């Protein structure tokens, strides 16, 4: 209570013992601190942490933990760059392998929750998908969806995606294609380079470095 004096009978208003007992009980039972903590850590998604974000995830329908594959294998153009690499980069396919689970950080999970909430109340249209991509990958570069015809669409990125980002697109449910439409993911190749440059691509795969943007 903020003003105890309004709750006391007048004949007890000047009793030091009674006032001390009531004041100490009020300080111990005052829920204001707990209410503020609940609002900041659970209710307000902009500041929620840990368990609070897990609750929001269940509300909108996304999980913090995602399963990532153990990497690419040798393949050709038909397999797309999302799952296959050219000569000299990845091993041959050896059958299904166990996936690796990864838990998103609070900040990454918050972005995913907001994107899924937006997807839940939006129509399945390319402008909506582009807005979700901008929300999921801010400041990373161009990312957009284009209709390739034949009930197919392509997610195009002019930057390389990390494994957990691919898992978000494929598993989280924040990016669901319309019914009957197949989505494929295309990433821009890395720059042409040699073994000394981490992340570079070999001949006929990467492009020449064009400077930073």
N, C-alpha and C. Protein backbone atom coordinates (compact mmCIF):
# COMPACT_ATOMS: atom_id res chain seq x y z
N UNK A 1 0.83 -1.19 0.00
CA UNK A 1 0.00 0.00 0.00
C UNK A 1 0.87 1.25 0.00
N UNK A 2 0.43 2.27 -0.69
CA UNK A 2 1.21 3.50 -0.77
C UNK A 2 0.93 4.45 0.40
N UNK A 3 -0.30 4.45 0.92
CA UNK A 3 -0.68 5.37 2.00
C UNK A 3 -1.39 4.59 3.09
N UNK A 4 -0.64 4.20 4.11
CA UNK A 4 -1.21 3.38 5.18
C UNK A 4 -2.16 4.18 6.07
N UNK A 5 -1.94 5.46 6.18
CA UNK A 5 -2.74 6.26 7.12
C UNK A 5 -4.22 6.23 6.78
N UNK A 6 -4.56 6.06 5.54
CA UNK A 6 -5.98 6.06 5.14
C UNK A 6 -6.68 4.77 5.55
N UNK A 7 -5.93 3.76 5.95
CA UNK A 7 -6.53 2.48 6.32
C UNK A 7 -6.63 2.28 7.82
N UNK A 8 -6.12 3.22 8.61
CA UNK A 8 -6.12 3.08 10.07
C UNK A 8 -7.31 3.79 10.70
N UNK A 9 -7.86 3.17 11.73
CA UNK A 9 -8.88 3.84 12.53
C UNK A 9 -8.24 4.98 13.30
N UNK A 10 -8.99 6.04 13.49
CA UNK A 10 -8.42 7.26 14.08
C UNK A 10 -7.87 7.02 15.48
N UNK A 11 -8.48 6.12 16.25
CA UNK A 11 -8.02 5.92 17.62
C UNK A 11 -6.67 5.21 17.69
N UNK A 12 -6.24 4.59 16.55
CA UNK A 12 -4.94 3.91 16.53
C UNK A 12 -3.91 4.65 15.68
N UNK A 13 -4.27 5.81 15.18
CA UNK A 13 -3.42 6.49 14.21
C UNK A 13 -2.10 6.97 14.81
N UNK A 14 -2.05 7.13 16.14
CA UNK A 14 -0.83 7.63 16.77
C UNK A 14 -0.16 6.58 17.65
N UNK A 15 -0.50 5.31 17.44
CA UNK A 15 0.12 4.24 18.22
C UNK A 15 1.44 3.86 17.59
N UNK A 16 2.58 4.15 18.24
CA UNK A 16 3.87 3.82 17.62
C UNK A 16 4.08 2.33 17.41
N UNK A 17 3.60 1.52 18.35
CA UNK A 17 3.79 0.07 18.22
C UNK A 17 2.99 -0.46 17.04
N UNK A 18 1.72 -0.08 16.98
CA UNK A 18 0.86 -0.56 15.90
C UNK A 18 1.34 -0.05 14.54
N UNK A 19 1.75 1.22 14.50
CA UNK A 19 2.24 1.77 13.24
C UNK A 19 3.52 1.07 12.79
N UNK A 20 4.38 0.73 13.74
CA UNK A 20 5.62 0.03 13.39
C UNK A 20 5.32 -1.37 12.84
N UNK A 21 4.40 -2.08 13.49
CA UNK A 21 4.06 -3.43 13.02
C UNK A 21 3.44 -3.39 11.62
N UNK A 22 2.50 -2.47 11.44
CA UNK A 22 1.85 -2.38 10.13
C UNK A 22 2.84 -1.93 9.06
N UNK A 23 3.72 -1.00 9.40
CA UNK A 23 4.70 -0.53 8.43
C UNK A 23 5.67 -1.62 8.00
N UNK A 24 6.14 -2.42 8.99
CA UNK A 24 7.06 -3.51 8.66
C UNK A 24 6.37 -4.58 7.82
N UNK A 25 5.11 -4.90 8.16
CA UNK A 25 4.39 -5.90 7.36
C UNK A 25 4.15 -5.40 5.95
N UNK A 26 3.82 -4.13 5.82
CA UNK A 26 3.58 -3.56 4.49
C UNK A 26 4.85 -3.60 3.63
N UNK A 27 6.00 -3.30 4.26
CA UNK A 27 7.26 -3.34 3.51
C UNK A 27 7.59 -4.76 3.06
N UNK A 28 7.27 -5.75 3.92
CA UNK A 28 7.59 -7.14 3.57
C UNK A 28 6.64 -7.70 2.52
N UNK A 29 5.37 -7.25 2.57
CA UNK A 29 4.36 -7.82 1.67
C UNK A 29 4.10 -6.97 0.44
N UNK A 30 4.78 -5.84 0.33
CA UNK A 30 4.54 -4.94 -0.81
C UNK A 30 4.90 -5.64 -2.13
N UNK A 31 3.94 -5.82 -3.04
CA UNK A 31 4.24 -6.54 -4.30
C UNK A 31 4.82 -5.67 -5.40
N UNK A 32 5.06 -4.38 -5.13
CA UNK A 32 5.48 -3.47 -6.20
C UNK A 32 6.77 -3.94 -6.86
N UNK A 33 7.74 -4.38 -6.05
CA UNK A 33 9.02 -4.82 -6.61
C UNK A 33 8.84 -6.04 -7.50
N UNK A 34 8.03 -6.99 -7.02
CA UNK A 34 7.79 -8.20 -7.81
C UNK A 34 7.02 -7.88 -9.09
N UNK A 35 6.08 -6.96 -9.00
CA UNK A 35 5.31 -6.58 -10.19
C UNK A 35 6.22 -5.93 -11.22
N UNK A 36 7.11 -5.05 -10.77
CA UNK A 36 8.05 -4.41 -11.69
C UNK A 36 8.97 -5.45 -12.34
N UNK A 37 9.45 -6.40 -11.53
CA UNK A 37 10.33 -7.44 -12.08
C UNK A 37 9.59 -8.32 -13.07
N UNK A 38 8.33 -8.66 -12.76
CA UNK A 38 7.54 -9.48 -13.68
C UNK A 38 7.32 -8.74 -15.00
N UNK A 39 7.04 -7.45 -14.91
CA UNK A 39 6.82 -6.69 -16.14
C UNK A 39 8.08 -6.63 -16.98
N UNK A 40 9.22 -6.39 -16.35
CA UNK A 40 10.47 -6.23 -17.10
C UNK A 40 11.00 -7.55 -17.64
N UNK A 41 10.86 -8.63 -16.90
CA UNK A 41 11.51 -9.89 -17.27
C UNK A 41 10.58 -10.87 -17.97
N UNK A 42 9.27 -10.63 -17.91
CA UNK A 42 8.32 -11.57 -18.54
C UNK A 42 7.35 -10.85 -19.47
N UNK A 43 6.64 -9.86 -18.96
CA UNK A 43 5.53 -9.28 -19.72
C UNK A 43 6.00 -8.43 -20.90
N UNK A 44 7.00 -7.60 -20.70
CA UNK A 44 7.48 -6.70 -21.74
C UNK A 44 8.48 -7.44 -22.62
N UNK A 45 8.09 -7.75 -23.85
CA UNK A 45 8.96 -8.55 -24.71
C UNK A 45 10.25 -7.81 -25.07
N UNK A 46 10.24 -6.49 -25.00
CA UNK A 46 11.44 -5.73 -25.33
C UNK A 46 12.53 -5.89 -24.29
N UNK A 47 12.15 -6.25 -23.05
CA UNK A 47 13.14 -6.41 -21.98
C UNK A 47 13.13 -7.80 -21.37
N UNK A 48 12.23 -8.67 -21.81
CA UNK A 48 12.12 -10.01 -21.22
C UNK A 48 13.41 -10.80 -21.39
N UNK A 49 13.66 -11.70 -20.45
CA UNK A 49 14.86 -12.51 -20.47
C UNK A 49 14.51 -13.95 -20.11
N UNK A 50 15.35 -14.88 -20.58
CA UNK A 50 15.26 -16.26 -20.13
C UNK A 50 13.87 -16.85 -20.20
N UNK A 51 13.33 -17.18 -19.00
CA UNK A 51 12.03 -17.84 -18.91
C UNK A 51 10.93 -17.00 -19.55
N UNK A 52 11.02 -15.67 -19.40
CA UNK A 52 10.00 -14.81 -20.01
C UNK A 52 9.96 -14.95 -21.52
N UNK A 53 11.13 -15.00 -22.16
CA UNK A 53 11.17 -15.18 -23.61
C UNK A 53 10.69 -16.57 -24.00
N UNK A 54 10.99 -17.57 -23.17
CA UNK A 54 10.49 -18.92 -23.46
C UNK A 54 8.97 -18.94 -23.46
N UNK A 55 8.35 -18.21 -22.54
CA UNK A 55 6.89 -18.11 -22.53
C UNK A 55 6.37 -17.44 -23.80
N UNK A 56 7.00 -16.34 -24.19
CA UNK A 56 6.59 -15.67 -25.43
C UNK A 56 6.76 -16.59 -26.63
N UNK A 57 7.82 -17.38 -26.62
CA UNK A 57 8.03 -18.33 -27.72
C UNK A 57 6.90 -19.32 -27.83
N UNK A 58 6.43 -19.83 -26.68
CA UNK A 58 5.31 -20.78 -26.72
C UNK A 58 4.02 -20.10 -27.18
N UNK A 59 3.86 -18.83 -26.82
CA UNK A 59 2.65 -18.11 -27.22
C UNK A 59 2.58 -17.94 -28.74
N UNK A 60 3.68 -17.55 -29.36
CA UNK A 60 3.67 -17.30 -30.80
C UNK A 60 3.99 -18.54 -31.62
N UNK A 61 4.54 -19.58 -30.96
CA UNK A 61 4.77 -20.85 -31.67
C UNK A 61 6.17 -21.05 -32.21
N UNK A 62 7.21 -20.60 -31.48
CA UNK A 62 8.59 -20.87 -31.88
C UNK A 62 9.36 -21.39 -30.68
N UNK A 63 10.41 -22.15 -30.95
CA UNK A 63 11.25 -22.71 -29.89
C UNK A 63 12.63 -22.08 -29.92
N UNK A 64 13.23 -21.99 -28.75
CA UNK A 64 14.57 -21.42 -28.65
C UNK A 64 15.63 -22.37 -29.22
N UNK A 65 15.40 -23.67 -29.10
CA UNK A 65 16.38 -24.67 -29.53
C UNK A 65 16.11 -25.11 -30.95
N UNK A 66 17.13 -25.08 -31.80
CA UNK A 66 17.02 -25.49 -33.19
C UNK A 66 18.04 -26.58 -33.47
N UNK A 67 17.71 -27.46 -34.41
CA UNK A 67 18.61 -28.54 -34.80
C UNK A 67 19.34 -28.13 -36.07
N UNK A 68 20.67 -28.14 -36.01
CA UNK A 68 21.48 -27.78 -37.17
C UNK A 68 22.14 -29.02 -37.73
N UNK A 69 22.22 -29.09 -39.06
CA UNK A 69 22.92 -30.20 -39.70
C UNK A 69 24.41 -30.04 -39.50
N UNK A 70 25.14 -31.11 -39.73
CA UNK A 70 26.58 -31.11 -39.49
C UNK A 70 27.41 -30.62 -40.65
N UNK A 71 26.80 -29.93 -41.61
CA UNK A 71 27.59 -29.34 -42.67
C UNK A 71 27.17 -29.81 -44.05
N UNK A 72 27.85 -29.28 -45.06
CA UNK A 72 27.54 -29.58 -46.44
C UNK A 72 28.31 -30.81 -46.92
N UNK A 73 27.91 -31.29 -48.08
CA UNK A 73 28.60 -32.39 -48.74
C UNK A 73 28.91 -32.00 -50.18
N UNK A 74 29.73 -32.79 -50.83
CA UNK A 74 30.05 -32.54 -52.23
C UNK A 74 28.81 -32.73 -53.09
N UNK A 75 28.57 -31.78 -54.00
CA UNK A 75 27.40 -31.89 -54.86
C UNK A 75 27.49 -30.95 -56.04
N UNK A 76 26.42 -30.93 -56.82
CA UNK A 76 26.40 -30.13 -58.04
C UNK A 76 25.32 -29.06 -57.96
N UNK A 77 25.14 -28.34 -59.04
CA UNK A 77 24.27 -27.17 -59.05
C UNK A 77 22.84 -27.50 -58.62
N UNK A 78 22.36 -28.68 -58.96
CA UNK A 78 20.97 -29.02 -58.66
C UNK A 78 20.69 -29.05 -57.16
N UNK A 79 21.73 -29.29 -56.37
CA UNK A 79 21.53 -29.40 -54.93
C UNK A 79 21.48 -28.04 -54.24
N UNK A 80 21.82 -26.97 -54.95
CA UNK A 80 21.89 -25.59 -54.46
C UNK A 80 23.03 -25.42 -53.46
N UNK A 81 23.47 -24.18 -53.34
CA UNK A 81 24.60 -23.86 -52.47
C UNK A 81 24.27 -24.00 -50.99
N UNK A 82 23.00 -24.16 -50.66
CA UNK A 82 22.63 -24.28 -49.26
C UNK A 82 23.01 -25.63 -48.68
N UNK A 83 23.16 -26.66 -49.52
CA UNK A 83 23.45 -28.00 -49.00
C UNK A 83 24.64 -28.66 -49.65
N UNK A 84 25.20 -28.08 -50.71
CA UNK A 84 26.30 -28.74 -51.42
C UNK A 84 27.41 -27.76 -51.73
N UNK A 85 28.63 -28.28 -51.81
CA UNK A 85 29.81 -27.51 -52.18
C UNK A 85 30.47 -28.13 -53.40
N UNK A 86 31.25 -27.35 -54.14
CA UNK A 86 31.93 -27.89 -55.33
C UNK A 86 33.18 -28.69 -54.95
N UNK A 87 33.98 -29.03 -55.95
CA UNK A 87 35.17 -29.84 -55.74
C UNK A 87 36.11 -29.20 -54.72
N UNK A 88 36.74 -30.05 -53.93
CA UNK A 88 37.79 -29.60 -53.03
C UNK A 88 37.35 -28.87 -51.79
N UNK A 89 36.05 -28.95 -51.43
CA UNK A 89 35.59 -28.20 -50.27
C UNK A 89 34.91 -29.07 -49.22
N UNK A 90 34.07 -30.01 -49.64
CA UNK A 90 33.31 -30.79 -48.69
C UNK A 90 33.40 -32.27 -49.02
N UNK A 91 33.17 -33.15 -48.03
CA UNK A 91 33.28 -34.60 -48.27
C UNK A 91 32.07 -35.14 -49.03
N UNK A 92 32.19 -36.40 -49.48
CA UNK A 92 31.07 -37.07 -50.11
C UNK A 92 29.97 -37.34 -49.08
N UNK A 93 28.77 -37.44 -49.59
CA UNK A 93 27.64 -37.74 -48.71
C UNK A 93 27.78 -39.15 -48.15
N UNK A 94 27.67 -39.28 -46.84
CA UNK A 94 27.84 -40.58 -46.20
C UNK A 94 26.61 -41.08 -45.50
N UNK A 95 25.45 -40.61 -45.90
CA UNK A 95 24.22 -41.03 -45.25
C UNK A 95 23.77 -40.04 -44.20
N UNK A 96 22.59 -40.26 -43.65
CA UNK A 96 22.08 -39.34 -42.63
C UNK A 96 23.01 -39.26 -41.43
N UNK A 97 23.18 -38.06 -40.91
CA UNK A 97 24.03 -37.86 -39.74
C UNK A 97 23.21 -37.19 -38.64
N UNK A 98 23.67 -37.36 -37.43
CA UNK A 98 22.97 -36.75 -36.30
C UNK A 98 23.09 -35.23 -36.36
N UNK A 99 22.04 -34.57 -35.99
CA UNK A 99 22.04 -33.12 -35.99
C UNK A 99 22.57 -32.59 -34.65
N UNK A 100 22.91 -31.34 -34.65
CA UNK A 100 23.43 -30.69 -33.45
C UNK A 100 22.44 -29.61 -33.01
N UNK A 101 22.03 -29.68 -31.76
CA UNK A 101 21.07 -28.71 -31.25
C UNK A 101 21.79 -27.46 -30.77
N UNK A 102 21.20 -26.32 -31.02
CA UNK A 102 21.77 -25.05 -30.58
C UNK A 102 20.64 -24.20 -29.99
N UNK A 103 20.92 -23.55 -28.87
CA UNK A 103 19.95 -22.68 -28.21
C UNK A 103 20.28 -21.23 -28.55
N UNK A 104 19.30 -20.50 -29.03
CA UNK A 104 19.50 -19.11 -29.40
C UNK A 104 19.70 -18.25 -28.15
N UNK A 105 20.50 -17.22 -28.28
CA UNK A 105 20.66 -16.26 -27.20
C UNK A 105 19.37 -15.47 -27.02
N UNK A 106 19.26 -14.75 -25.91
CA UNK A 106 18.04 -13.98 -25.66
C UNK A 106 17.78 -12.96 -26.76
N UNK A 107 18.81 -12.25 -27.20
CA UNK A 107 18.62 -11.23 -28.23
C UNK A 107 18.17 -11.84 -29.55
N UNK A 108 18.82 -12.95 -29.96
CA UNK A 108 18.45 -13.61 -31.22
C UNK A 108 17.05 -14.20 -31.12
N UNK A 109 16.72 -14.78 -29.96
CA UNK A 109 15.40 -15.38 -29.78
C UNK A 109 14.32 -14.31 -29.78
N UNK A 110 14.61 -13.13 -29.23
CA UNK A 110 13.64 -12.03 -29.22
C UNK A 110 13.31 -11.59 -30.65
N UNK A 111 14.32 -11.48 -31.48
CA UNK A 111 14.09 -11.12 -32.88
C UNK A 111 13.23 -12.18 -33.57
N UNK A 112 13.52 -13.46 -33.31
CA UNK A 112 12.74 -14.54 -33.91
C UNK A 112 11.30 -14.50 -33.44
N UNK A 113 11.07 -14.24 -32.17
CA UNK A 113 9.70 -14.16 -31.63
C UNK A 113 8.92 -13.04 -32.31
N UNK A 114 9.53 -11.87 -32.44
CA UNK A 114 8.85 -10.75 -33.08
C UNK A 114 8.54 -11.04 -34.54
N UNK A 115 9.48 -11.70 -35.22
CA UNK A 115 9.24 -12.05 -36.62
C UNK A 115 8.10 -13.05 -36.74
N UNK A 116 8.06 -14.05 -35.84
CA UNK A 116 6.99 -15.04 -35.88
C UNK A 116 5.64 -14.41 -35.53
N UNK A 117 5.63 -13.50 -34.58
CA UNK A 117 4.39 -12.81 -34.23
C UNK A 117 3.87 -12.02 -35.43
N UNK A 118 4.77 -11.38 -36.14
CA UNK A 118 4.38 -10.63 -37.34
C UNK A 118 3.84 -11.57 -38.41
N UNK A 119 4.50 -12.72 -38.57
CA UNK A 119 4.04 -13.69 -39.57
C UNK A 119 2.67 -14.26 -39.21
N UNK A 120 2.40 -14.42 -37.92
CA UNK A 120 1.13 -15.00 -37.49
C UNK A 120 -0.08 -14.15 -37.88
N UNK A 121 0.11 -12.84 -37.97
CA UNK A 121 -1.03 -11.96 -38.22
C UNK A 121 -0.96 -11.33 -39.61
N UNK A 122 -0.09 -11.86 -40.47
CA UNK A 122 0.08 -11.28 -41.80
C UNK A 122 -0.33 -12.27 -42.87
N UNK A 123 -0.59 -11.76 -44.05
CA UNK A 123 -0.95 -12.62 -45.17
C UNK A 123 0.31 -13.17 -45.83
N UNK A 124 0.15 -14.25 -46.55
CA UNK A 124 1.28 -14.89 -47.23
C UNK A 124 1.52 -14.19 -48.56
N UNK A 125 2.29 -13.12 -48.53
CA UNK A 125 2.59 -12.34 -49.73
C UNK A 125 4.06 -11.96 -49.71
N UNK A 126 4.61 -11.72 -50.88
CA UNK A 126 6.04 -11.41 -50.99
C UNK A 126 6.42 -10.17 -50.18
N UNK A 127 5.66 -9.07 -50.20
CA UNK A 127 6.04 -7.93 -49.36
C UNK A 127 6.14 -8.28 -47.87
N UNK A 128 5.25 -9.15 -47.42
CA UNK A 128 5.30 -9.58 -46.02
C UNK A 128 6.56 -10.38 -45.75
N UNK A 129 6.88 -11.32 -46.65
CA UNK A 129 8.09 -12.12 -46.47
C UNK A 129 9.34 -11.24 -46.49
N UNK A 130 9.36 -10.26 -47.36
CA UNK A 130 10.52 -9.36 -47.41
C UNK A 130 10.66 -8.57 -46.10
N UNK A 131 9.53 -8.17 -45.53
CA UNK A 131 9.59 -7.45 -44.25
C UNK A 131 10.12 -8.35 -43.14
N UNK A 132 9.74 -9.62 -43.16
CA UNK A 132 10.24 -10.57 -42.16
C UNK A 132 11.74 -10.77 -42.32
N UNK A 133 12.20 -10.87 -43.57
CA UNK A 133 13.64 -11.03 -43.81
C UNK A 133 14.42 -9.81 -43.31
N UNK A 134 13.87 -8.62 -43.53
CA UNK A 134 14.55 -7.42 -43.03
C UNK A 134 14.62 -7.41 -41.51
N UNK A 135 13.60 -7.99 -40.88
CA UNK A 135 13.59 -8.03 -39.42
C UNK A 135 14.56 -9.09 -38.90
N UNK A 136 14.66 -10.20 -39.59
CA UNK A 136 15.54 -11.28 -39.14
C UNK A 136 17.01 -10.98 -39.40
N UNK A 137 17.31 -10.25 -40.47
CA UNK A 137 18.71 -10.02 -40.86
C UNK A 137 18.97 -8.53 -41.06
N UNK A 138 18.82 -7.72 -40.01
CA UNK A 138 19.03 -6.28 -40.17
C UNK A 138 20.50 -5.95 -40.40
N UNK A 139 20.75 -5.09 -41.37
CA UNK A 139 22.10 -4.62 -41.62
C UNK A 139 23.04 -5.64 -42.24
N UNK A 140 22.52 -6.77 -42.69
CA UNK A 140 23.38 -7.81 -43.25
C UNK A 140 23.56 -7.66 -44.75
N UNK A 141 22.66 -6.98 -45.41
CA UNK A 141 22.71 -6.88 -46.86
C UNK A 141 21.33 -7.14 -47.45
N UNK A 142 21.28 -7.31 -48.77
CA UNK A 142 20.01 -7.53 -49.44
C UNK A 142 19.51 -8.95 -49.21
N UNK A 143 18.24 -9.06 -48.86
CA UNK A 143 17.58 -10.36 -48.69
C UNK A 143 16.14 -10.18 -49.15
N UNK A 144 15.71 -11.02 -50.08
CA UNK A 144 14.38 -10.83 -50.65
C UNK A 144 13.85 -12.15 -51.21
N UNK A 145 12.55 -12.15 -51.46
CA UNK A 145 11.85 -13.31 -52.03
C UNK A 145 11.40 -12.96 -53.44
N UNK A 146 11.59 -13.88 -54.36
CA UNK A 146 11.10 -13.67 -55.72
C UNK A 146 10.34 -14.90 -56.18
N UNK A 147 9.31 -14.67 -56.96
CA UNK A 147 8.48 -15.75 -57.51
C UNK A 147 9.15 -16.27 -58.77
N UNK A 148 9.54 -17.54 -58.76
CA UNK A 148 10.20 -18.14 -59.92
C UNK A 148 9.23 -18.92 -60.81
N UNK A 149 7.95 -18.89 -60.49
CA UNK A 149 6.95 -19.57 -61.31
C UNK A 149 6.84 -21.04 -60.96
N UNK A 150 5.77 -21.65 -61.43
CA UNK A 150 5.58 -23.08 -61.21
C UNK A 150 5.42 -23.44 -59.75
N UNK A 151 4.75 -22.59 -58.97
CA UNK A 151 4.56 -22.82 -57.53
C UNK A 151 5.88 -22.92 -56.78
N UNK A 152 6.85 -22.15 -57.22
CA UNK A 152 8.16 -22.12 -56.57
C UNK A 152 8.54 -20.67 -56.27
N UNK A 153 9.27 -20.48 -55.21
CA UNK A 153 9.78 -19.16 -54.84
C UNK A 153 11.20 -19.32 -54.32
N UNK A 154 11.96 -18.25 -54.41
CA UNK A 154 13.37 -18.32 -54.01
C UNK A 154 13.67 -17.22 -53.00
N UNK A 155 14.34 -17.62 -51.92
CA UNK A 155 14.86 -16.68 -50.94
C UNK A 155 16.29 -16.37 -51.35
N UNK A 156 16.56 -15.14 -51.72
CA UNK A 156 17.88 -14.75 -52.23
C UNK A 156 18.58 -13.87 -51.20
N UNK A 157 19.83 -14.21 -50.92
CA UNK A 157 20.65 -13.46 -49.98
C UNK A 157 21.95 -13.09 -50.67
N UNK A 158 22.36 -11.83 -50.55
CA UNK A 158 23.65 -11.45 -51.12
C UNK A 158 24.76 -11.53 -50.07
N UNK A 159 24.52 -12.33 -49.03
CA UNK A 159 25.52 -12.59 -48.00
C UNK A 159 25.38 -14.05 -47.58
N UNK A 160 26.41 -14.55 -46.93
CA UNK A 160 26.41 -15.95 -46.50
C UNK A 160 25.65 -16.09 -45.18
N UNK A 161 24.86 -17.14 -45.08
CA UNK A 161 24.10 -17.42 -43.87
C UNK A 161 24.86 -18.37 -42.96
N UNK A 162 24.79 -18.11 -41.67
CA UNK A 162 25.36 -19.04 -40.70
C UNK A 162 24.44 -20.25 -40.57
N UNK A 163 24.97 -21.39 -40.07
CA UNK A 163 24.13 -22.58 -39.93
C UNK A 163 22.87 -22.35 -39.10
N UNK A 164 22.99 -21.57 -38.01
CA UNK A 164 21.80 -21.36 -37.18
C UNK A 164 20.77 -20.49 -37.90
N UNK A 165 21.23 -19.61 -38.79
CA UNK A 165 20.30 -18.79 -39.56
C UNK A 165 19.53 -19.63 -40.57
N UNK A 166 20.21 -20.60 -41.18
CA UNK A 166 19.51 -21.53 -42.06
C UNK A 166 18.49 -22.34 -41.27
N UNK A 167 18.85 -22.73 -40.04
CA UNK A 167 17.92 -23.48 -39.21
C UNK A 167 16.69 -22.65 -38.87
N UNK A 168 16.88 -21.35 -38.64
CA UNK A 168 15.74 -20.47 -38.37
C UNK A 168 14.79 -20.44 -39.56
N UNK A 169 15.35 -20.32 -40.77
CA UNK A 169 14.51 -20.24 -41.96
C UNK A 169 13.78 -21.55 -42.23
N UNK A 170 14.45 -22.67 -41.96
CA UNK A 170 13.88 -23.97 -42.33
C UNK A 170 13.03 -24.60 -41.24
N UNK A 171 13.29 -24.30 -39.98
CA UNK A 171 12.66 -25.06 -38.90
C UNK A 171 11.78 -24.24 -37.97
N UNK A 172 12.07 -22.97 -37.80
CA UNK A 172 11.42 -22.22 -36.73
C UNK A 172 9.93 -22.00 -36.96
N UNK A 173 9.50 -21.99 -38.22
CA UNK A 173 8.11 -21.69 -38.52
C UNK A 173 7.85 -20.21 -38.73
N UNK A 174 8.86 -19.37 -38.52
CA UNK A 174 8.69 -17.94 -38.74
C UNK A 174 8.63 -17.60 -40.22
N UNK A 175 9.07 -18.53 -41.05
CA UNK A 175 9.09 -18.27 -42.49
C UNK A 175 8.44 -19.44 -43.21
N UNK A 176 7.12 -19.49 -43.20
CA UNK A 176 6.37 -20.57 -43.80
C UNK A 176 5.89 -20.16 -45.19
N UNK A 177 6.16 -20.98 -46.21
CA UNK A 177 5.64 -20.66 -47.55
C UNK A 177 4.14 -20.89 -47.61
N UNK A 178 3.47 -20.28 -48.57
CA UNK A 178 2.04 -20.57 -48.76
C UNK A 178 1.83 -22.04 -49.10
N UNK A 179 0.63 -22.51 -48.91
CA UNK A 179 0.31 -23.91 -49.17
C UNK A 179 0.61 -24.28 -50.62
N UNK A 180 1.37 -25.34 -50.80
CA UNK A 180 1.69 -25.82 -52.14
C UNK A 180 2.86 -25.15 -52.81
N UNK A 181 3.48 -24.17 -52.14
CA UNK A 181 4.61 -23.45 -52.72
C UNK A 181 5.91 -23.96 -52.12
N UNK A 182 6.89 -24.21 -52.97
CA UNK A 182 8.20 -24.69 -52.53
C UNK A 182 9.18 -23.52 -52.47
N UNK A 183 9.83 -23.37 -51.33
CA UNK A 183 10.86 -22.35 -51.17
C UNK A 183 12.24 -22.97 -51.34
N UNK A 184 13.11 -22.29 -52.07
CA UNK A 184 14.52 -22.66 -52.10
C UNK A 184 15.34 -21.47 -51.64
N UNK A 185 16.50 -21.75 -51.08
CA UNK A 185 17.36 -20.71 -50.54
C UNK A 185 18.61 -20.59 -51.40
N UNK A 186 18.90 -19.37 -51.84
CA UNK A 186 20.09 -19.12 -52.65
C UNK A 186 20.93 -18.04 -51.97
N UNK A 187 22.18 -18.38 -51.70
CA UNK A 187 23.10 -17.44 -51.08
C UNK A 187 24.14 -16.99 -52.10
N UNK A 188 24.54 -15.74 -52.00
CA UNK A 188 25.60 -15.24 -52.88
C UNK A 188 26.90 -15.96 -52.56
N UNK A 189 27.65 -16.36 -53.58
CA UNK A 189 28.91 -17.05 -53.31
C UNK A 189 29.92 -16.12 -52.66
N UNK A 190 30.91 -16.72 -52.02
CA UNK A 190 31.98 -15.94 -51.43
C UNK A 190 32.91 -15.39 -52.49
N UNK A 191 33.84 -14.56 -52.07
CA UNK A 191 34.80 -13.98 -53.00
C UNK A 191 35.86 -15.01 -53.39
N UNK A 192 36.35 -14.88 -54.62
CA UNK A 192 37.42 -15.75 -55.09
C UNK A 192 38.66 -15.56 -54.22
N UNK A 193 39.22 -16.66 -53.77
CA UNK A 193 40.40 -16.57 -52.92
C UNK A 193 41.07 -17.92 -52.76
N UNK A 194 42.07 -17.97 -51.91
CA UNK A 194 42.84 -19.20 -51.71
C UNK A 194 42.72 -19.65 -50.26
N UNK A 195 43.43 -20.73 -49.93
CA UNK A 195 43.26 -21.37 -48.64
C UNK A 195 43.57 -20.44 -47.47
N UNK A 196 44.45 -19.47 -47.69
CA UNK A 196 44.83 -18.58 -46.59
C UNK A 196 43.69 -17.67 -46.15
N UNK A 197 42.74 -17.44 -47.03
CA UNK A 197 41.62 -16.54 -46.72
C UNK A 197 40.41 -17.37 -46.29
N UNK A 198 40.11 -17.32 -45.02
CA UNK A 198 38.98 -18.10 -44.51
C UNK A 198 37.68 -17.63 -45.15
N UNK A 199 36.85 -18.58 -45.57
CA UNK A 199 35.57 -18.26 -46.15
C UNK A 199 35.59 -17.92 -47.62
N UNK A 200 36.76 -18.00 -48.25
CA UNK A 200 36.84 -17.69 -49.68
C UNK A 200 36.39 -18.88 -50.51
N UNK A 201 36.10 -18.63 -51.78
CA UNK A 201 35.62 -19.67 -52.69
C UNK A 201 36.65 -19.91 -53.79
N UNK A 202 36.69 -21.13 -54.36
CA UNK A 202 37.68 -21.45 -55.39
C UNK A 202 37.26 -20.94 -56.77
N UNK A 203 38.04 -21.30 -57.79
CA UNK A 203 37.74 -20.90 -59.16
C UNK A 203 36.37 -21.41 -59.59
N UNK A 204 35.71 -20.62 -60.44
CA UNK A 204 34.40 -20.95 -61.00
C UNK A 204 33.29 -21.03 -59.95
N UNK A 205 33.59 -20.59 -58.75
CA UNK A 205 32.59 -20.61 -57.68
C UNK A 205 32.37 -19.23 -57.08
N UNK A 206 33.49 -18.55 -56.72
CA UNK A 206 33.39 -17.24 -56.11
C UNK A 206 33.52 -16.11 -57.11
N UNK A 207 33.21 -14.92 -56.65
CA UNK A 207 33.30 -13.73 -57.49
C UNK A 207 34.49 -12.89 -57.03
N UNK A 208 34.92 -11.95 -57.87
CA UNK A 208 36.02 -11.07 -57.48
C UNK A 208 35.56 -10.11 -56.38
N UNK A 209 36.47 -9.80 -55.48
CA UNK A 209 36.17 -8.89 -54.39
C UNK A 209 35.91 -7.49 -54.94
N UNK A 210 34.78 -6.92 -54.56
CA UNK A 210 34.41 -5.61 -55.08
C UNK A 210 34.45 -4.50 -54.06
N UNK A 211 35.10 -4.73 -52.93
CA UNK A 211 35.18 -3.70 -51.90
C UNK A 211 34.09 -3.86 -50.86
N UNK A 212 34.22 -3.12 -49.79
CA UNK A 212 33.25 -3.18 -48.70
C UNK A 212 32.13 -2.18 -48.95
N UNK A 213 30.95 -2.54 -48.52
CA UNK A 213 29.80 -1.65 -48.68
C UNK A 213 29.08 -1.46 -47.36
